[in-house]
Amino acid sequence: MASLSFISAAKLADLLKSADSQKNMYAQVLNGRLVLGVDPLQPTDVIDFSKEAVAPYAISGVQSAVYNSSNEIPHVNGTKFARRSGDYWFEIGGKRIECGSLKELLAEALKSIERIKPGTLDSLSRHRGRSRRIVARDANQLFDKPHLVKEYADKLTNGWYYGTNNSARETNVWLQRAAECANLAWGTDFTTSLVPTIDDL
């Protein structure tokens, strides 16, 4: 039986501030708990109302869970736990493809769109965010800073590279741009598990 816990609004505000000192986290209610994380789809902390404290978010009942630097595979005390398939997915042509990470979601979706609508990657490569592109024929054209190319450029398919350091929001934006380049209707011809929010990068 679920217990009922209360916390003052002032105390909750203090806990949120202490948990999110960099001011880059998202909050949501998940399974009846207030959880936080830089990636809204991968919470890392939970507000414990009964103890009035911030605690690591438990994954499948495992306590003290944290995420590794790539935010792809949760681990506890050095032991990695595979993500559930279906955490991320996209649908195109009536077929759903499940992915285990944002990086995989972006890569597989871009390749699928290109297969269905050849020329999409070429069109998308002409779109540029504030300091980068998402796809390019030359990895050095992805980022303004050379060290980012070494860290975050990866081969997408023959003749194409893509940037891999994307938040959930950024991944969503790039996929919406790709769908636009392919003349695919977002939400019908092409959908993802991510919340749609077209935004300037």
N, C-alpha and C. Protein backbone atom coordinates (compact mmCIF):
# COMPACT_ATOMS: atom_id res chain seq x y z
N MET A 1 0.83 -1.18 0.00
CA MET A 1 0.00 0.00 0.00
C MET A 1 0.88 1.25 0.00
N ALA A 2 0.58 2.21 -0.88
CA ALA A 2 1.39 3.41 -1.01
C ALA A 2 1.22 4.29 0.21
N SER A 3 2.32 4.90 0.63
CA SER A 3 2.25 5.82 1.77
C SER A 3 2.15 7.24 1.24
N LEU A 4 1.60 8.11 2.05
CA LEU A 4 1.41 9.50 1.66
C LEU A 4 2.44 10.34 2.39
N SER A 5 3.26 11.10 1.63
CA SER A 5 4.30 11.94 2.24
C SER A 5 4.10 13.38 1.81
N PHE A 6 4.47 14.28 2.71
CA PHE A 6 4.35 15.71 2.44
C PHE A 6 5.71 16.36 2.62
N ILE A 7 5.87 17.49 1.97
CA ILE A 7 7.09 18.29 2.13
C ILE A 7 6.69 19.74 1.88
N SER A 8 7.29 20.66 2.61
CA SER A 8 6.95 22.07 2.39
C SER A 8 7.49 22.52 1.04
N ALA A 9 6.80 23.45 0.44
CA ALA A 9 7.23 23.96 -0.86
C ALA A 9 8.62 24.58 -0.77
N ALA A 10 8.90 25.27 0.34
CA ALA A 10 10.22 25.90 0.52
C ALA A 10 11.32 24.85 0.59
N LYS A 11 11.05 23.76 1.33
CA LYS A 11 12.04 22.69 1.45
C LYS A 11 12.25 22.01 0.09
N LEU A 12 11.16 21.80 -0.64
CA LEU A 12 11.27 21.19 -1.96
C LEU A 12 12.10 22.07 -2.88
N ALA A 13 11.87 23.38 -2.84
CA ALA A 13 12.65 24.30 -3.66
C ALA A 13 14.13 24.22 -3.32
N ASP A 14 14.45 24.11 -2.02
CA ASP A 14 15.84 23.99 -1.58
C ASP A 14 16.46 22.70 -2.10
N LEU A 15 15.73 21.60 -2.03
CA LEU A 15 16.24 20.32 -2.50
C LEU A 15 16.49 20.35 -4.01
N LEU A 16 15.57 20.96 -4.75
CA LEU A 16 15.74 21.06 -6.19
C LEU A 16 16.97 21.88 -6.54
N LYS A 17 17.17 22.98 -5.80
CA LYS A 17 18.35 23.82 -6.05
C LYS A 17 19.64 23.07 -5.74
N SER A 18 19.64 22.33 -4.64
CA SER A 18 20.86 21.61 -4.26
C SER A 18 21.16 20.47 -5.23
N ALA A 19 20.12 19.84 -5.76
CA ALA A 19 20.33 18.73 -6.71
C ALA A 19 20.76 19.22 -8.08
N ASP A 20 20.32 20.44 -8.43
CA ASP A 20 20.54 20.96 -9.78
C ASP A 20 21.36 22.24 -9.73
N SER A 21 22.56 22.16 -9.18
CA SER A 21 23.40 23.35 -9.04
C SER A 21 23.82 23.94 -10.39
N GLN A 22 23.89 23.09 -11.42
CA GLN A 22 24.28 23.57 -12.75
C GLN A 22 23.09 24.11 -13.55
N LYS A 23 21.89 23.96 -13.01
CA LYS A 23 20.65 24.43 -13.64
C LYS A 23 20.44 23.84 -15.04
N ASN A 24 20.68 22.53 -15.14
CA ASN A 24 20.50 21.88 -16.44
C ASN A 24 19.68 20.59 -16.36
N MET A 25 18.98 20.40 -15.22
CA MET A 25 18.19 19.18 -15.05
C MET A 25 16.72 19.40 -15.38
N TYR A 26 16.07 18.30 -15.71
CA TYR A 26 14.63 18.30 -15.93
C TYR A 26 13.98 17.51 -14.80
N ALA A 27 12.77 17.90 -14.42
CA ALA A 27 12.04 17.19 -13.36
C ALA A 27 10.77 16.60 -13.95
N GLN A 28 10.39 15.44 -13.43
CA GLN A 28 9.13 14.83 -13.86
C GLN A 28 8.65 13.88 -12.77
N VAL A 29 7.37 13.59 -12.79
CA VAL A 29 6.81 12.59 -11.88
C VAL A 29 6.80 11.27 -12.62
N LEU A 30 7.51 10.30 -12.08
CA LEU A 30 7.65 8.99 -12.70
C LEU A 30 7.32 7.92 -11.68
N ASN A 31 6.32 7.10 -11.97
CA ASN A 31 5.88 6.06 -11.03
C ASN A 31 5.58 6.65 -9.64
N GLY A 32 4.97 7.84 -9.63
CA GLY A 32 4.58 8.45 -8.38
C GLY A 32 5.69 9.12 -7.61
N ARG A 33 6.89 9.25 -8.24
CA ARG A 33 8.01 9.89 -7.56
C ARG A 33 8.52 11.06 -8.40
N LEU A 34 9.03 12.08 -7.74
CA LEU A 34 9.60 13.23 -8.43
C LEU A 34 11.06 12.92 -8.73
N VAL A 35 11.37 12.75 -10.01
CA VAL A 35 12.73 12.37 -10.41
C VAL A 35 13.36 13.49 -11.23
N LEU A 36 14.70 13.51 -11.25
CA LEU A 36 15.47 14.56 -11.93
C LEU A 36 16.55 13.94 -12.78
N GLY A 37 16.93 14.65 -13.83
CA GLY A 37 18.05 14.21 -14.66
C GLY A 37 18.35 15.22 -15.74
N VAL A 38 19.61 15.27 -16.16
CA VAL A 38 20.00 16.14 -17.26
C VAL A 38 19.28 15.70 -18.53
N ASP A 39 19.18 14.38 -18.72
CA ASP A 39 18.39 13.82 -19.81
C ASP A 39 17.03 13.45 -19.22
N PRO A 40 15.95 14.08 -19.69
CA PRO A 40 14.64 13.81 -19.09
C PRO A 40 14.20 12.36 -19.22
N LEU A 41 14.78 11.62 -20.16
CA LEU A 41 14.41 10.22 -20.34
C LEU A 41 15.26 9.28 -19.50
N GLN A 42 16.27 9.83 -18.82
CA GLN A 42 17.15 9.00 -17.99
C GLN A 42 17.39 9.68 -16.64
N PRO A 43 16.41 9.64 -15.74
CA PRO A 43 16.58 10.30 -14.44
C PRO A 43 17.71 9.69 -13.63
N THR A 44 18.41 10.55 -12.90
CA THR A 44 19.53 10.10 -12.08
C THR A 44 19.30 10.30 -10.58
N ASP A 45 18.36 11.19 -10.24
CA ASP A 45 18.11 11.50 -8.83
C ASP A 45 16.61 11.48 -8.56
N VAL A 46 16.27 11.26 -7.30
CA VAL A 46 14.87 11.28 -6.89
C VAL A 46 14.75 12.10 -5.61
N ILE A 47 13.67 12.86 -5.49
CA ILE A 47 13.40 13.59 -4.25
C ILE A 47 12.62 12.67 -3.32
N ASP A 48 13.23 12.32 -2.20
CA ASP A 48 12.59 11.47 -1.21
C ASP A 48 11.82 12.37 -0.23
N PHE A 49 10.50 12.41 -0.39
CA PHE A 49 9.67 13.29 0.44
C PHE A 49 9.71 12.88 1.91
N SER A 50 9.72 11.57 2.16
CA SER A 50 9.65 11.11 3.55
C SER A 50 10.92 11.48 4.32
N LYS A 51 12.08 11.48 3.65
CA LYS A 51 13.35 11.80 4.32
C LYS A 51 13.79 13.24 4.05
N GLU A 52 13.02 13.93 3.18
CA GLU A 52 13.37 15.30 2.79
C GLU A 52 14.81 15.36 2.33
N ALA A 53 15.12 14.51 1.36
CA ALA A 53 16.50 14.42 0.85
C ALA A 53 16.49 14.04 -0.63
N VAL A 54 17.62 14.30 -1.27
CA VAL A 54 17.83 13.88 -2.66
C VAL A 54 18.60 12.57 -2.62
N ALA A 55 18.14 11.58 -3.35
CA ALA A 55 18.81 10.28 -3.38
C ALA A 55 19.01 9.85 -4.83
N PRO A 56 19.96 8.95 -5.07
CA PRO A 56 20.12 8.41 -6.43
C PRO A 56 18.85 7.70 -6.86
N TYR A 57 18.50 7.83 -8.11
CA TYR A 57 17.31 7.18 -8.64
C TYR A 57 17.55 5.68 -8.77
N ALA A 58 16.63 4.88 -8.26
CA ALA A 58 16.76 3.42 -8.32
C ALA A 58 16.28 2.91 -9.67
N ILE A 59 17.05 2.02 -10.26
CA ILE A 59 16.69 1.41 -11.53
C ILE A 59 16.24 -0.01 -11.27
N SER A 60 14.99 -0.30 -11.60
CA SER A 60 14.43 -1.64 -11.40
C SER A 60 14.67 -2.15 -9.99
N GLY A 61 14.54 -1.25 -9.00
CA GLY A 61 14.69 -1.66 -7.61
C GLY A 61 16.11 -1.66 -7.11
N VAL A 62 17.09 -1.38 -7.97
CA VAL A 62 18.47 -1.35 -7.53
C VAL A 62 18.79 0.03 -7.01
N GLN A 63 19.28 0.14 -5.79
CA GLN A 63 19.54 1.44 -5.18
C GLN A 63 20.90 1.98 -5.62
N SER A 64 21.11 3.28 -5.33
CA SER A 64 22.37 3.96 -5.62
C SER A 64 22.79 3.80 -7.07
N ALA A 65 21.85 3.90 -7.97
CA ALA A 65 22.17 3.77 -9.38
C ALA A 65 22.60 5.10 -9.95
N VAL A 66 23.62 5.06 -10.78
CA VAL A 66 24.07 6.25 -11.49
C VAL A 66 24.28 5.88 -12.94
N TYR A 67 24.45 6.91 -13.79
CA TYR A 67 24.68 6.65 -15.20
C TYR A 67 26.12 6.96 -15.54
N ASN A 68 26.63 6.24 -16.53
CA ASN A 68 27.99 6.52 -16.95
C ASN A 68 28.02 7.78 -17.77
N SER A 69 29.21 8.22 -18.18
CA SER A 69 29.36 9.51 -18.84
C SER A 69 28.62 9.60 -20.15
N SER A 70 28.36 8.49 -20.82
CA SER A 70 27.66 8.55 -22.10
C SER A 70 26.15 8.51 -21.91
N ASN A 71 25.70 8.33 -20.64
CA ASN A 71 24.26 8.27 -20.35
C ASN A 71 23.56 7.18 -21.14
N GLU A 72 24.25 6.07 -21.41
CA GLU A 72 23.63 5.01 -22.18
C GLU A 72 23.35 3.77 -21.35
N ILE A 73 24.24 3.41 -20.42
CA ILE A 73 24.08 2.17 -19.67
C ILE A 73 24.15 2.46 -18.18
N PRO A 74 23.08 2.24 -17.43
CA PRO A 74 23.13 2.47 -16.00
C PRO A 74 24.06 1.47 -15.31
N HIS A 75 24.71 1.91 -14.22
CA HIS A 75 25.58 1.00 -13.48
C HIS A 75 25.53 1.33 -12.00
N VAL A 76 25.83 0.34 -11.20
CA VAL A 76 25.85 0.49 -9.75
C VAL A 76 27.16 -0.10 -9.26
N ASN A 77 27.94 0.73 -8.55
CA ASN A 77 29.22 0.28 -8.01
C ASN A 77 30.06 -0.46 -9.04
N GLY A 78 30.11 0.08 -10.26
CA GLY A 78 30.93 -0.51 -11.31
C GLY A 78 30.27 -1.63 -12.08
N THR A 79 29.13 -2.14 -11.63
CA THR A 79 28.44 -3.21 -12.35
C THR A 79 27.42 -2.60 -13.31
N LYS A 80 27.55 -2.94 -14.58
CA LYS A 80 26.65 -2.38 -15.58
C LYS A 80 25.40 -3.22 -15.73
N PHE A 81 24.29 -2.54 -15.99
CA PHE A 81 23.02 -3.19 -16.23
C PHE A 81 22.54 -2.80 -17.61
N ALA A 82 22.18 -3.78 -18.41
CA ALA A 82 21.71 -3.48 -19.76
C ALA A 82 20.41 -2.71 -19.70
N ARG A 83 20.29 -1.73 -20.60
CA ARG A 83 19.03 -0.99 -20.68
C ARG A 83 17.97 -1.90 -21.26
N ARG A 84 16.73 -1.63 -20.91
CA ARG A 84 15.63 -2.36 -21.52
C ARG A 84 15.49 -1.91 -22.97
N SER A 85 15.29 -2.88 -23.88
CA SER A 85 15.01 -2.48 -25.25
C SER A 85 13.68 -1.76 -25.26
N GLY A 86 13.54 -0.84 -26.15
CA GLY A 86 12.29 -0.10 -26.22
C GLY A 86 12.29 1.18 -25.42
N ASP A 87 13.40 1.47 -24.68
CA ASP A 87 13.49 2.74 -23.98
C ASP A 87 13.40 3.87 -24.99
N TYR A 88 13.99 3.66 -26.15
CA TYR A 88 13.92 4.61 -27.25
C TYR A 88 13.44 3.85 -28.48
N TRP A 89 12.64 4.50 -29.30
CA TRP A 89 12.18 3.88 -30.53
C TRP A 89 11.77 4.95 -31.53
N PHE A 90 11.69 4.53 -32.78
CA PHE A 90 11.11 5.38 -33.81
C PHE A 90 10.29 4.50 -34.74
N GLU A 91 9.32 5.12 -35.39
CA GLU A 91 8.48 4.42 -36.35
C GLU A 91 8.56 5.12 -37.69
N ILE A 92 8.75 4.33 -38.73
CA ILE A 92 8.79 4.87 -40.08
C ILE A 92 8.25 3.79 -41.02
N GLY A 93 7.41 4.19 -41.93
CA GLY A 93 6.82 3.21 -42.85
C GLY A 93 6.01 2.15 -42.14
N GLY A 94 5.42 2.51 -41.00
CA GLY A 94 4.60 1.56 -40.26
C GLY A 94 5.38 0.54 -39.44
N LYS A 95 6.70 0.69 -39.40
CA LYS A 95 7.54 -0.27 -38.66
C LYS A 95 8.22 0.44 -37.49
N ARG A 96 8.17 -0.17 -36.30
CA ARG A 96 8.83 0.39 -35.12
C ARG A 96 10.19 -0.28 -34.93
N ILE A 97 11.20 0.56 -34.73
CA ILE A 97 12.56 0.09 -34.47
C ILE A 97 12.93 0.53 -33.07
N GLU A 98 13.29 -0.41 -32.20
CA GLU A 98 13.67 -0.11 -30.82
C GLU A 98 15.18 0.08 -30.72
N CYS A 99 15.60 1.01 -29.89
CA CYS A 99 17.01 1.34 -29.72
C CYS A 99 17.35 1.40 -28.23
N GLY A 100 18.61 1.17 -27.91
CA GLY A 100 19.04 1.14 -26.52
C GLY A 100 19.65 2.43 -26.01
N SER A 101 19.81 3.44 -26.89
CA SER A 101 20.42 4.70 -26.46
C SER A 101 20.00 5.81 -27.41
N LEU A 102 20.21 7.04 -26.97
CA LEU A 102 19.93 8.19 -27.85
C LEU A 102 20.82 8.16 -29.08
N LYS A 103 22.08 7.79 -28.88
CA LYS A 103 23.03 7.71 -30.01
C LYS A 103 22.54 6.72 -31.05
N GLU A 104 22.11 5.55 -30.61
CA GLU A 104 21.60 4.54 -31.53
C GLU A 104 20.31 5.00 -32.19
N LEU A 105 19.45 5.65 -31.42
CA LEU A 105 18.19 6.16 -31.98
C LEU A 105 18.47 7.13 -33.13
N LEU A 106 19.37 8.07 -32.91
CA LEU A 106 19.68 9.06 -33.93
C LEU A 106 20.28 8.40 -35.18
N ALA A 107 21.26 7.53 -34.98
CA ALA A 107 21.92 6.89 -36.12
C ALA A 107 20.96 6.02 -36.93
N GLU A 108 20.22 5.16 -36.25
CA GLU A 108 19.32 4.25 -36.97
C GLU A 108 18.18 4.99 -37.65
N ALA A 109 17.67 6.04 -37.00
CA ALA A 109 16.59 6.82 -37.61
C ALA A 109 17.09 7.56 -38.85
N LEU A 110 18.26 8.17 -38.76
CA LEU A 110 18.81 8.88 -39.92
C LEU A 110 19.05 7.93 -41.09
N LYS A 111 19.58 6.75 -40.80
CA LYS A 111 19.83 5.78 -41.88
C LYS A 111 18.52 5.29 -42.49
N SER A 112 17.51 5.09 -41.66
CA SER A 112 16.21 4.63 -42.16
C SER A 112 15.54 5.69 -43.03
N ILE A 113 15.61 6.95 -42.59
CA ILE A 113 15.02 8.03 -43.39
C ILE A 113 15.73 8.14 -44.73
N GLU A 114 17.06 8.03 -44.72
CA GLU A 114 17.83 8.10 -45.97
C GLU A 114 17.48 6.96 -46.91
N ARG A 115 17.25 5.76 -46.34
CA ARG A 115 16.88 4.62 -47.19
C ARG A 115 15.54 4.85 -47.88
N ILE A 116 14.60 5.42 -47.13
CA ILE A 116 13.26 5.65 -47.68
C ILE A 116 13.24 6.87 -48.59
N LYS A 117 13.99 7.91 -48.21
CA LYS A 117 14.03 9.16 -48.98
C LYS A 117 15.48 9.51 -49.28
N PRO A 118 16.09 8.89 -50.30
CA PRO A 118 17.48 9.19 -50.64
C PRO A 118 17.68 10.69 -50.89
N GLY A 119 18.81 11.20 -50.41
CA GLY A 119 19.09 12.62 -50.54
C GLY A 119 18.81 13.41 -49.27
N THR A 120 18.18 12.75 -48.29
CA THR A 120 17.86 13.43 -47.03
C THR A 120 19.12 13.87 -46.30
N LEU A 121 20.13 13.00 -46.23
CA LEU A 121 21.35 13.35 -45.52
C LEU A 121 22.04 14.54 -46.17
N ASP A 122 22.03 14.57 -47.50
CA ASP A 122 22.64 15.69 -48.21
C ASP A 122 21.93 17.00 -47.86
N SER A 123 20.61 16.96 -47.84
CA SER A 123 19.83 18.14 -47.48
C SER A 123 20.05 18.52 -46.02
N LEU A 124 20.08 17.53 -45.14
CA LEU A 124 20.27 17.79 -43.71
C LEU A 124 21.66 18.36 -43.42
N SER A 125 22.65 17.96 -44.21
CA SER A 125 24.02 18.44 -43.99
C SER A 125 24.14 19.94 -44.21
N ARG A 126 23.19 20.54 -44.91
CA ARG A 126 23.21 21.99 -45.14
C ARG A 126 22.60 22.77 -43.97
N HIS A 127 21.96 22.05 -43.04
CA HIS A 127 21.42 22.69 -41.83
C HIS A 127 22.51 22.74 -40.77
N ARG A 128 22.66 23.89 -40.17
CA ARG A 128 23.70 24.07 -39.17
C ARG A 128 23.11 24.68 -37.91
N GLY A 129 23.48 24.11 -36.76
CA GLY A 129 23.08 24.70 -35.49
C GLY A 129 24.00 25.85 -35.16
N ARG A 130 24.05 26.23 -33.90
CA ARG A 130 24.89 27.37 -33.51
C ARG A 130 26.37 27.12 -33.77
N SER A 131 26.81 25.89 -33.56
CA SER A 131 28.25 25.63 -33.71
C SER A 131 28.54 24.29 -34.37
N ARG A 132 27.52 23.69 -35.00
CA ARG A 132 27.78 22.38 -35.59
C ARG A 132 26.69 21.95 -36.55
N ARG A 133 27.02 20.90 -37.29
CA ARG A 133 26.06 20.18 -38.12
C ARG A 133 25.84 18.82 -37.46
N ILE A 134 24.79 18.13 -37.87
CA ILE A 134 24.58 16.79 -37.33
C ILE A 134 25.14 15.73 -38.26
N VAL A 135 25.15 16.00 -39.57
CA VAL A 135 25.73 15.06 -40.53
C VAL A 135 26.62 15.83 -41.51
N ALA A 136 27.66 15.15 -41.98
CA ALA A 136 28.57 15.74 -42.97
C ALA A 136 29.33 14.62 -43.65
N ARG A 137 29.78 14.89 -44.86
CA ARG A 137 30.60 13.89 -45.58
C ARG A 137 32.01 13.85 -45.02
N ASP A 138 32.46 14.96 -44.44
CA ASP A 138 33.77 15.05 -43.81
C ASP A 138 33.54 15.30 -42.32
N ALA A 139 34.08 14.43 -41.48
CA ALA A 139 33.88 14.55 -40.04
C ALA A 139 34.31 15.91 -39.51
N ASN A 140 35.32 16.52 -40.14
CA ASN A 140 35.82 17.82 -39.68
C ASN A 140 34.82 18.95 -39.90
N GLN A 141 33.78 18.71 -40.69
CA GLN A 141 32.77 19.73 -40.93
C GLN A 141 31.63 19.68 -39.89
N LEU A 142 31.67 18.70 -39.01
CA LEU A 142 30.60 18.58 -38.01
C LEU A 142 30.68 19.65 -36.94
N PHE A 143 31.90 19.93 -36.45
CA PHE A 143 32.08 20.83 -35.32
C PHE A 143 33.03 21.96 -35.64
N ASP A 144 32.86 23.08 -34.94
CA ASP A 144 33.78 24.21 -35.09
C ASP A 144 35.12 23.93 -34.43
N LYS A 145 35.10 23.13 -33.36
CA LYS A 145 36.32 22.88 -32.60
C LYS A 145 36.87 21.48 -32.91
N PRO A 146 38.14 21.40 -33.33
CA PRO A 146 38.75 20.12 -33.72
C PRO A 146 38.69 19.03 -32.66
N HIS A 147 38.85 19.41 -31.37
CA HIS A 147 38.85 18.37 -30.34
C HIS A 147 37.48 17.68 -30.24
N LEU A 148 36.41 18.39 -30.61
CA LEU A 148 35.08 17.78 -30.59
C LEU A 148 34.93 16.72 -31.69
N VAL A 149 35.62 16.94 -32.79
CA VAL A 149 35.59 15.97 -33.89
C VAL A 149 36.17 14.64 -33.41
N LYS A 150 37.30 14.72 -32.70
CA LYS A 150 37.94 13.49 -32.20
C LYS A 150 37.05 12.76 -31.20
N GLU A 151 36.35 13.52 -30.37
CA GLU A 151 35.55 12.91 -29.30
C GLU A 151 34.16 12.47 -29.75
N TYR A 152 33.54 13.23 -30.64
CA TYR A 152 32.11 13.02 -30.88
C TYR A 152 31.71 12.78 -32.33
N ALA A 153 32.65 12.63 -33.25
CA ALA A 153 32.30 12.31 -34.63
C ALA A 153 32.37 10.80 -34.81
N ASP A 154 31.36 10.23 -35.44
CA ASP A 154 31.32 8.79 -35.65
C ASP A 154 30.80 8.53 -37.06
N LYS A 155 31.20 7.40 -37.61
CA LYS A 155 30.74 7.04 -38.96
C LYS A 155 29.27 6.63 -38.90
N LEU A 156 28.47 7.21 -39.77
CA LEU A 156 27.05 6.89 -39.83
C LEU A 156 26.80 5.80 -40.85
N THR A 157 27.26 6.02 -42.05
CA THR A 157 27.12 5.07 -43.15
C THR A 157 28.19 5.42 -44.17
N ASN A 158 28.29 4.68 -45.24
CA ASN A 158 29.32 4.95 -46.23
C ASN A 158 29.24 6.39 -46.71
N GLY A 159 30.34 7.12 -46.50
CA GLY A 159 30.41 8.49 -46.98
C GLY A 159 29.80 9.53 -46.07
N TRP A 160 29.31 9.14 -44.88
CA TRP A 160 28.67 10.09 -43.98
C TRP A 160 29.13 9.89 -42.54
N TYR A 161 29.26 11.01 -41.83
CA TYR A 161 29.58 11.02 -40.41
C TYR A 161 28.50 11.79 -39.67
N TYR A 162 28.38 11.53 -38.38
CA TYR A 162 27.40 12.27 -37.58
C TYR A 162 27.96 12.59 -36.21
N GLY A 163 27.37 13.60 -35.56
CA GLY A 163 27.78 14.00 -34.22
C GLY A 163 27.01 13.21 -33.19
N THR A 164 27.72 12.72 -32.18
CA THR A 164 27.10 11.80 -31.21
C THR A 164 26.80 12.42 -29.85
N ASN A 165 27.20 13.68 -29.60
CA ASN A 165 26.99 14.28 -28.27
C ASN A 165 25.72 15.10 -28.26
N ASN A 166 24.58 14.42 -28.22
CA ASN A 166 23.29 15.09 -28.28
C ASN A 166 22.42 14.71 -27.09
N SER A 167 21.78 15.70 -26.51
CA SER A 167 20.80 15.45 -25.46
C SER A 167 19.53 14.88 -26.11
N ALA A 168 18.58 14.50 -25.29
CA ALA A 168 17.30 14.03 -25.83
C ALA A 168 16.63 15.12 -26.65
N ARG A 169 16.67 16.35 -26.15
CA ARG A 169 16.04 17.46 -26.87
C ARG A 169 16.73 17.68 -28.22
N GLU A 170 18.07 17.68 -28.21
CA GLU A 170 18.81 17.89 -29.46
C GLU A 170 18.57 16.76 -30.45
N THR A 171 18.55 15.53 -29.96
CA THR A 171 18.26 14.39 -30.83
C THR A 171 16.90 14.56 -31.48
N ASN A 172 15.94 14.97 -30.68
CA ASN A 172 14.59 15.17 -31.19
C ASN A 172 14.55 16.25 -32.27
N VAL A 173 15.24 17.36 -32.01
CA VAL A 173 15.27 18.47 -32.97
C VAL A 173 15.89 18.03 -34.29
N TRP A 174 17.02 17.32 -34.21
CA TRP A 174 17.69 16.88 -35.43
C TRP A 174 16.82 15.90 -36.21
N LEU A 175 16.11 15.04 -35.52
CA LEU A 175 15.24 14.09 -36.22
C LEU A 175 14.05 14.80 -36.86
N GLN A 176 13.54 15.82 -36.20
CA GLN A 176 12.46 16.60 -36.81
C GLN A 176 12.97 17.30 -38.07
N ARG A 177 14.20 17.83 -38.02
CA ARG A 177 14.77 18.47 -39.20
C ARG A 177 14.95 17.45 -40.33
N ALA A 178 15.41 16.25 -39.96
CA ALA A 178 15.59 15.20 -40.97
C ALA A 178 14.26 14.84 -41.62
N ALA A 179 13.21 14.72 -40.80
CA ALA A 179 11.88 14.41 -41.33
C ALA A 179 11.41 15.52 -42.27
N GLU A 180 11.67 16.77 -41.91
CA GLU A 180 11.31 17.89 -42.78
C GLU A 180 12.05 17.81 -44.12
N CYS A 181 13.36 17.51 -44.04
CA CYS A 181 14.16 17.40 -45.27
C CYS A 181 13.64 16.29 -46.17
N ALA A 182 13.08 15.25 -45.57
CA ALA A 182 12.57 14.10 -46.33
C ALA A 182 11.10 14.26 -46.70
N ASN A 183 10.50 15.40 -46.32
CA ASN A 183 9.06 15.62 -46.55
C ASN A 183 8.20 14.54 -45.90
N LEU A 184 8.61 14.14 -44.71
CA LEU A 184 7.84 13.18 -43.92
C LEU A 184 7.07 13.95 -42.85
N ALA A 185 5.82 13.65 -42.69
CA ALA A 185 5.00 14.34 -41.68
C ALA A 185 5.36 13.82 -40.29
N TRP A 186 5.82 14.75 -39.43
CA TRP A 186 6.19 14.40 -38.06
C TRP A 186 4.94 13.98 -37.30
N GLY A 187 5.01 12.84 -36.65
CA GLY A 187 3.87 12.36 -35.87
C GLY A 187 2.98 11.39 -36.62
N THR A 188 3.14 11.33 -37.93
CA THR A 188 2.37 10.36 -38.72
C THR A 188 3.28 9.50 -39.58
N ASP A 189 4.01 10.12 -40.54
CA ASP A 189 4.95 9.36 -41.36
C ASP A 189 6.15 8.90 -40.55
N PHE A 190 6.53 9.73 -39.59
CA PHE A 190 7.70 9.43 -38.77
C PHE A 190 7.42 9.88 -37.35
N THR A 191 7.61 8.98 -36.38
CA THR A 191 7.41 9.31 -34.97
C THR A 191 8.53 8.71 -34.14
N THR A 192 8.75 9.29 -32.97
CA THR A 192 9.74 8.74 -32.05
C THR A 192 9.16 8.71 -30.64
N SER A 193 9.91 8.10 -29.73
CA SER A 193 9.51 8.06 -28.32
C SER A 193 9.83 9.37 -27.63
N LEU A 194 10.50 10.29 -28.31
CA LEU A 194 10.88 11.57 -27.71
C LEU A 194 9.75 12.56 -27.85
N VAL A 195 9.69 13.51 -26.92
CA VAL A 195 8.64 14.54 -26.94
C VAL A 195 8.95 15.54 -28.05
N PRO A 196 8.01 15.78 -28.96
CA PRO A 196 8.29 16.71 -30.06
C PRO A 196 8.41 18.15 -29.61
N THR A 197 9.58 18.77 -29.88
CA THR A 197 9.79 20.18 -29.56
C THR A 197 10.76 20.76 -30.56
N ILE A 198 10.27 21.27 -31.68
CA ILE A 198 11.16 21.93 -32.64
C ILE A 198 11.70 23.19 -31.98
N ASP A 199 12.99 23.37 -32.09
CA ASP A 199 13.68 24.43 -31.36
C ASP A 199 14.91 24.83 -32.15
N ASP A 200 15.43 25.99 -31.90
CA ASP A 200 16.71 26.36 -32.47
C ASP A 200 17.81 25.69 -31.67
N LEU A 201 18.77 25.12 -32.37
CA LEU A 201 19.89 24.49 -31.68
C LEU A 201 20.97 25.54 -31.38
